[in-house]
Amino acid sequence: MTATTTLYDILGLSPSAREGDINAAQIRLTKYYLIGAHGLSQADADTQIQVIKEAWWVLSNPGRRVAYDASLLEPPAPPPPPPPAPGPQPAAPEIRLPLPSKAALKAGGKPSPMLIMLGIVGGLAIIGMLIQIFFSVFAFRQVSQTAGSDPAYEAHQARLMAAERRLTYGDMSDKEIAEEEAEATRRRAESVQREAELREQETERRKDYARKEEERQREWALQERKRYADQVSSELQRAEEAERRKAEEEQRRAEWEKRQKQDAERRADQEEQRRVQERVARERARWQQELQR
């Protein structure tokens, strides 16, 4: 035995779903059956959309939802008995008279006269009902067999149709009745044509909606690609700027180290020149002292 489908199952939700989840599920499923690849015919898709809307109408309102949840807790009604299968009538059921209880039995093992009388009356009532059912079925079969071949029956049916026609059209002549029926036929044809036009307009509207949705999706995809390209370009520019700053920093560091090295070499040269001058001055002073001696 399969489980009963609930409104929550139609929306694909649990009974504890919130109102926002119900609205989101209704929008998502409606959009899916409008433009999604569901593989159903247009009529089946429309039927499914109507079922979804009815489920949403019940569950989106707190009062209706509480009443529906309460109905889910009630025990299910027993299924109706199956209709009788066509074919030969089943055999008459076996008549079983009620057995007397032990308390009703007397000492000799015989039932009381009251129980015997009740059993007889019940059996006769059941037999009478079976006889009545048999004659009703027999009469129905006889009427069904003779209805198509009895001229009187056909004339009676013609009179009934004529009377029904007069009740419908009054004292109108046959020509006026024919014109009225032709007008009714024309109105029905126009109604069918209008319904076909409405269905065609609805199909065109759905196609237009699908086309606009496709264009919107395409435009959104183009905007996403452009945004991604701009983001990549911006990241590349930032990376190039970082590399340029790094190169400039390394160049400034190299120039600073070069200047430091040049300053150190210049100081070393100046120190060497100072030591040479001091040595020359000492040697000159020593020579002068030797000459004075």
Protein backbone atom coordinates (compact mmCIF):
# COMPACT_ATOMS: atom_id res chain seq x y z
CA MET A 1 0.00 0.00 0.00
CA THR A 2 1.49 3.31 -1.09
CA ALA A 3 1.67 6.29 1.20
CA THR A 4 -0.71 9.21 0.67
CA THR A 5 0.86 12.22 -1.04
CA THR A 6 0.54 15.37 1.07
CA LEU A 7 0.84 19.03 0.13
CA TYR A 8 4.28 19.04 1.74
CA ASP A 9 5.33 16.21 -0.59
CA ILE A 10 4.11 18.21 -3.60
CA LEU A 11 6.37 21.13 -2.64
CA GLY A 12 9.21 18.83 -1.60
CA LEU A 13 9.20 20.07 2.00
CA SER A 14 8.88 18.66 5.48
CA PRO A 15 5.89 19.46 7.75
CA SER A 16 8.22 21.70 9.82
CA ALA A 17 9.10 23.96 6.87
CA ARG A 18 8.95 27.73 7.43
CA GLU A 19 6.88 30.21 5.43
CA GLY A 20 9.94 31.45 3.53
CA ASP A 21 10.78 27.88 2.50
CA ILE A 22 7.20 27.37 1.24
CA ASN A 23 7.30 30.55 -0.87
CA ALA A 24 10.75 29.69 -2.24
CA ALA A 25 9.65 26.14 -3.14
CA GLN A 26 6.53 27.45 -4.93
CA ILE A 27 8.57 29.94 -6.99
CA ARG A 28 11.24 27.37 -7.80
CA LEU A 29 8.80 24.64 -8.89
CA THR A 30 6.62 27.04 -10.90
CA LYS A 31 9.67 28.36 -12.74
CA TYR A 32 10.82 24.79 -13.36
CA TYR A 33 7.50 23.72 -14.94
CA LEU A 34 7.34 26.96 -16.95
CA ILE A 35 10.80 26.94 -18.55
CA GLY A 36 12.56 23.88 -17.14
CA ALA A 37 13.40 20.64 -18.93
CA HIS A 38 10.62 18.64 -17.24
CA GLY A 39 9.71 16.55 -20.31
CA LEU A 40 5.95 16.92 -19.75
CA SER A 41 3.31 18.11 -22.18
CA GLN A 42 1.94 21.63 -21.90
CA ALA A 43 -1.33 20.43 -20.36
CA ASP A 44 0.45 18.24 -17.80
CA ALA A 45 2.83 21.09 -16.93
CA ASP A 46 -0.12 23.47 -16.44
CA THR A 47 -1.85 20.89 -14.25
CA GLN A 48 1.27 20.47 -12.16
CA ILE A 49 1.60 24.26 -11.78
CA GLN A 50 -2.04 24.47 -10.65
CA VAL A 51 -1.44 21.71 -8.07
CA ILE A 52 1.65 23.56 -6.80
CA LYS A 53 -0.31 26.82 -6.51
CA GLU A 54 -3.12 25.11 -4.58
CA ALA A 55 -0.61 23.52 -2.20
CA TRP A 56 1.06 26.90 -1.70
CA TRP A 57 -2.35 28.58 -1.16
CA VAL A 58 -3.14 26.19 1.70
CA LEU A 59 0.29 26.12 3.36
CA SER A 60 1.16 29.83 3.00
CA ASN A 61 -1.75 30.88 5.25
CA PRO A 62 -1.26 30.04 8.97
CA GLY A 63 -4.96 29.31 9.60
CA ARG A 64 -5.37 27.07 6.56
CA ARG A 65 -2.10 25.32 7.34
CA VAL A 66 -3.15 24.57 10.93
CA ALA A 67 -6.45 23.12 9.70
CA TYR A 68 -4.65 21.02 7.09
CA ASP A 69 -2.09 19.75 9.63
CA ALA A 70 -4.97 18.77 11.90
CA SER A 71 -6.60 16.86 9.03
CA LEU A 72 -3.38 14.91 8.53
CA LEU A 73 -3.63 13.63 12.10
CA GLU A 74 -7.15 12.23 11.58
CA PRO A 75 -7.39 8.49 10.75
CA PRO A 76 -7.98 7.85 7.04
CA ALA A 77 -11.47 6.93 5.94
CA PRO A 78 -12.01 3.31 4.86
CA PRO A 79 -11.87 2.84 1.08
CA PRO A 80 -15.24 2.49 -0.71
CA PRO A 81 -16.26 -1.03 -1.73
CA PRO A 82 -15.26 -1.93 -5.30
CA PRO A 83 -18.02 -1.78 -7.94
CA PRO A 84 -19.49 -5.11 -9.02
CA ALA A 85 -17.67 -6.59 -11.99
CA PRO A 86 -19.68 -6.94 -15.22
CA GLY A 87 -20.70 -10.44 -16.23
CA PRO A 88 -22.90 -13.13 -14.79
CA GLN A 89 -24.53 -12.47 -11.49
CA PRO A 90 -22.85 -14.13 -8.48
CA ALA A 91 -24.54 -17.02 -6.81
CA ALA A 92 -26.92 -16.33 -3.99
CA PRO A 93 -25.15 -16.17 -0.65
CA GLU A 94 -25.53 -19.05 1.71
CA ILE A 95 -28.16 -18.40 4.35
CA ARG A 96 -26.80 -18.89 7.83
CA LEU A 97 -29.23 -18.65 10.71
CA PRO A 98 -27.88 -17.26 13.96
CA LEU A 99 -26.86 -19.90 16.46
CA PRO A 100 -28.42 -19.70 19.92
CA SER A 101 -26.21 -18.85 22.84
CA LYS A 102 -25.45 -21.29 25.60
CA ALA A 103 -27.59 -19.32 28.03
CA ALA A 104 -30.58 -19.71 25.72
CA LEU A 105 -30.34 -23.44 25.57
CA LYS A 106 -32.49 -25.37 27.95
CA ALA A 107 -31.50 -28.35 30.00
CA GLY A 108 -32.47 -30.83 27.27
CA GLY A 109 -30.23 -29.03 24.66
CA LYS A 110 -33.21 -27.51 22.73
CA PRO A 111 -33.39 -23.76 21.83
CA SER A 112 -36.24 -21.65 23.11
CA PRO A 113 -39.32 -21.07 20.87
CA MET A 114 -38.54 -17.32 20.66
CA LEU A 115 -35.12 -17.99 19.09
CA ILE A 116 -36.64 -20.45 16.62
CA MET A 117 -39.25 -17.85 15.60
CA LEU A 118 -36.60 -15.14 15.14
CA GLY A 119 -34.46 -17.44 13.00
CA ILE A 120 -37.40 -18.34 10.75
CA VAL A 121 -38.46 -14.68 10.32
CA GLY A 122 -34.89 -13.64 9.46
CA GLY A 123 -34.49 -16.43 6.92
CA LEU A 124 -37.78 -15.54 5.21
CA ALA A 125 -36.76 -11.84 5.02
CA ILE A 126 -33.44 -12.74 3.39
CA ILE A 127 -35.14 -15.06 0.89
CA GLY A 128 -37.64 -12.30 -0.01
CA MET A 129 -34.84 -9.80 -0.64
CA LEU A 130 -33.00 -12.27 -2.89
CA ILE A 131 -36.19 -12.94 -4.89
CA GLN A 132 -36.77 -9.19 -5.31
CA ILE A 133 -33.17 -8.64 -6.51
CA PHE A 134 -33.50 -11.53 -8.97
CA PHE A 135 -36.72 -10.18 -10.54
CA SER A 136 -35.28 -6.65 -10.74
CA VAL A 137 -32.22 -7.90 -12.63
CA PHE A 138 -34.37 -10.07 -14.89
CA ALA A 139 -36.68 -7.14 -15.73
CA PHE A 140 -33.73 -4.87 -16.44
CA ARG A 141 -32.25 -7.40 -18.86
CA GLN A 142 -35.56 -7.86 -20.62
CA VAL A 143 -35.99 -4.11 -21.08
CA SER A 144 -32.40 -3.78 -22.32
CA GLN A 145 -32.88 -6.57 -24.88
CA THR A 146 -36.21 -5.32 -26.25
CA ALA A 147 -35.50 -1.58 -26.16
CA GLY A 148 -33.68 -1.55 -29.52
CA SER A 149 -36.19 -3.73 -31.41
CA ASP A 150 -39.55 -2.57 -30.03
CA PRO A 151 -41.24 0.05 -32.34
CA ALA A 152 -43.48 1.21 -29.51
CA TYR A 153 -40.46 1.81 -27.34
CA GLU A 154 -38.77 3.77 -30.13
CA ALA A 155 -41.93 5.85 -30.67
CA HIS A 156 -42.12 6.52 -26.95
CA GLN A 157 -38.49 7.67 -26.98
CA ALA A 158 -39.21 9.94 -29.99
CA ARG A 159 -42.16 11.48 -28.16
CA LEU A 160 -40.00 12.09 -25.10
CA MET A 161 -37.33 13.79 -27.24
CA ALA A 162 -39.99 15.91 -28.95
CA ALA A 163 -41.47 16.92 -25.60
CA GLU A 164 -38.02 17.79 -24.27
CA ARG A 165 -37.39 19.80 -27.43
CA ARG A 166 -40.64 21.72 -26.98
CA LEU A 167 -39.81 22.41 -23.35
CA THR A 168 -36.45 23.78 -24.50
CA TYR A 169 -37.57 25.86 -27.50
CA GLY A 170 -41.27 26.52 -26.69
CA ASP A 171 -43.64 27.16 -29.62
CA MET A 172 -40.86 27.80 -32.15
CA SER A 173 -41.19 26.30 -35.60
CA ASP A 174 -38.83 23.67 -36.96
CA LYS A 175 -37.07 26.33 -39.04
CA GLU A 176 -36.61 28.58 -36.01
CA ILE A 177 -35.40 25.61 -33.97
CA ALA A 178 -32.91 24.72 -36.71
CA GLU A 179 -31.74 28.34 -36.81
CA GLU A 180 -31.43 28.38 -33.02
CA GLU A 181 -29.44 25.14 -33.06
CA ALA A 182 -27.23 26.49 -35.86
CA GLU A 183 -26.66 29.66 -33.83
CA ALA A 184 -25.81 27.56 -30.76
CA THR A 185 -23.42 25.49 -32.88
CA ARG A 186 -21.85 28.67 -34.22
CA ARG A 187 -21.45 30.05 -30.68
CA ARG A 188 -19.86 26.79 -29.56
CA ALA A 189 -17.49 26.91 -32.53
CA GLU A 190 -16.60 30.52 -31.71
CA SER A 191 -16.04 29.53 -28.08
CA VAL A 192 -13.76 26.69 -29.16
CA GLN A 193 -11.93 29.06 -31.51
CA ARG A 194 -11.54 31.64 -28.73
CA GLU A 195 -10.20 28.96 -26.41
CA ALA A 196 -7.75 27.87 -29.12
CA GLU A 197 -6.69 31.50 -29.63
CA LEU A 198 -6.27 31.95 -25.89
CA ARG A 199 -4.18 28.78 -25.72
CA GLU A 200 -2.11 30.01 -28.65
CA GLN A 201 -1.66 33.39 -26.96
CA GLU A 202 -0.66 31.64 -23.75
CA THR A 203 1.84 29.53 -25.70
CA GLU A 204 3.24 32.64 -27.36
CA ARG A 205 3.42 34.36 -23.99
CA ARG A 206 5.30 31.42 -22.55
CA LYS A 207 7.65 31.36 -25.53
CA ASP A 208 8.21 35.12 -25.18
CA TYR A 209 8.84 34.70 -21.47
CA ALA A 210 11.26 31.86 -22.16
CA ARG A 211 13.02 33.96 -24.82
CA LYS A 212 13.31 36.94 -22.48
CA GLU A 213 14.53 34.67 -19.70
CA GLU A 214 17.13 33.21 -22.06
CA GLU A 215 18.25 36.69 -23.09
CA ARG A 216 18.42 37.71 -19.45
CA GLN A 217 20.50 34.64 -18.62
CA ARG A 218 22.78 35.36 -21.59
CA GLU A 219 23.18 38.98 -20.53
CA TRP A 220 23.88 37.91 -16.97
CA ALA A 221 26.49 35.43 -18.22
CA LEU A 222 28.12 38.19 -20.32
CA GLN A 223 28.17 40.51 -17.32
CA GLU A 224 29.67 37.74 -15.18
CA ARG A 225 32.39 37.10 -17.77
CA LYS A 226 33.10 40.83 -18.06
CA ARG A 227 33.25 41.15 -14.29
CA TYR A 228 35.60 38.17 -14.10
CA ALA A 229 37.78 39.63 -16.88
CA ASP A 230 37.90 42.99 -15.09
CA GLN A 231 38.81 41.25 -11.85
CA VAL A 232 41.61 39.29 -13.54
CA SER A 233 42.86 42.44 -15.27
CA SER A 234 42.81 44.33 -11.98
CA GLU A 235 44.69 41.53 -10.26
CA LEU A 236 47.27 41.48 -13.06
CA GLN A 237 47.70 45.24 -12.78
CA ARG A 238 48.17 44.95 -9.03
CA ALA A 239 50.71 42.17 -9.55
CA GLU A 240 52.59 44.25 -12.14
CA GLU A 241 52.54 47.27 -9.84
CA ALA A 242 53.87 45.14 -6.98
CA GLU A 243 56.64 43.78 -9.24
CA ARG A 244 57.52 47.31 -10.40
CA ARG A 245 57.66 48.59 -6.82
CA LYS A 246 59.78 45.60 -5.85
CA ALA A 247 62.16 46.24 -8.75
CA GLU A 248 62.40 49.94 -7.83
CA GLU A 249 63.05 49.01 -4.20
CA GLU A 250 65.79 46.59 -5.23
CA GLN A 251 67.31 49.21 -7.53
CA ARG A 252 67.28 51.81 -4.75
CA ARG A 253 68.84 49.29 -2.38
CA ALA A 254 71.54 48.46 -4.95
CA GLU A 255 72.28 52.16 -5.52
CA TRP A 256 72.41 52.76 -1.76
CA GLU A 257 74.82 49.84 -1.31
CA LYS A 258 76.91 51.15 -4.21
CA ARG A 259 77.06 54.61 -2.65
CA GLN A 260 77.97 53.09 0.67
CA LYS A 261 80.74 51.09 -0.97
CA GLN A 262 81.99 54.17 -2.83
CA ASP A 263 81.96 56.22 0.39
CA ALA A 264 83.87 53.47 2.17
CA GLU A 265 86.44 53.32 -0.62
CA ARG A 266 86.78 57.12 -0.62
CA ARG A 267 87.28 57.15 3.14
CA ALA A 268 89.84 54.40 2.83
CA ASP A 269 91.71 56.36 0.13
CA GLN A 270 91.61 59.51 2.25
CA GLU A 271 92.90 57.56 5.25
CA GLU A 272 95.68 56.07 3.14
CA GLN A 273 96.66 59.51 1.80
CA ARG A 274 96.64 60.89 5.34
CA ARG A 275 98.95 58.11 6.55
CA VAL A 276 101.30 58.66 3.55
CA GLN A 277 101.44 62.39 4.22
CA GLU A 278 102.17 61.78 7.88
CA ARG A 279 104.98 59.33 6.94
CA VAL A 280 106.42 61.82 4.44
CA ALA A 281 106.24 64.56 7.07
CA ARG A 282 108.04 62.36 9.59
CA GLU A 283 110.72 61.42 7.07
CA ARG A 284 111.23 65.07 6.11
CA ALA A 285 111.54 66.07 9.74
CA ARG A 286 114.06 63.24 10.33
CA TRP A 287 116.19 64.35 7.33
CA GLN A 288 116.16 67.91 8.50
CA GLN A 289 117.36 66.83 11.89
CA GLU A 290 120.17 64.79 10.35
CA LEU A 291 121.23 67.73 8.17
CA GLN A 292 121.40 70.03 11.17
CA ARG A 293 123.69 67.64 12.94
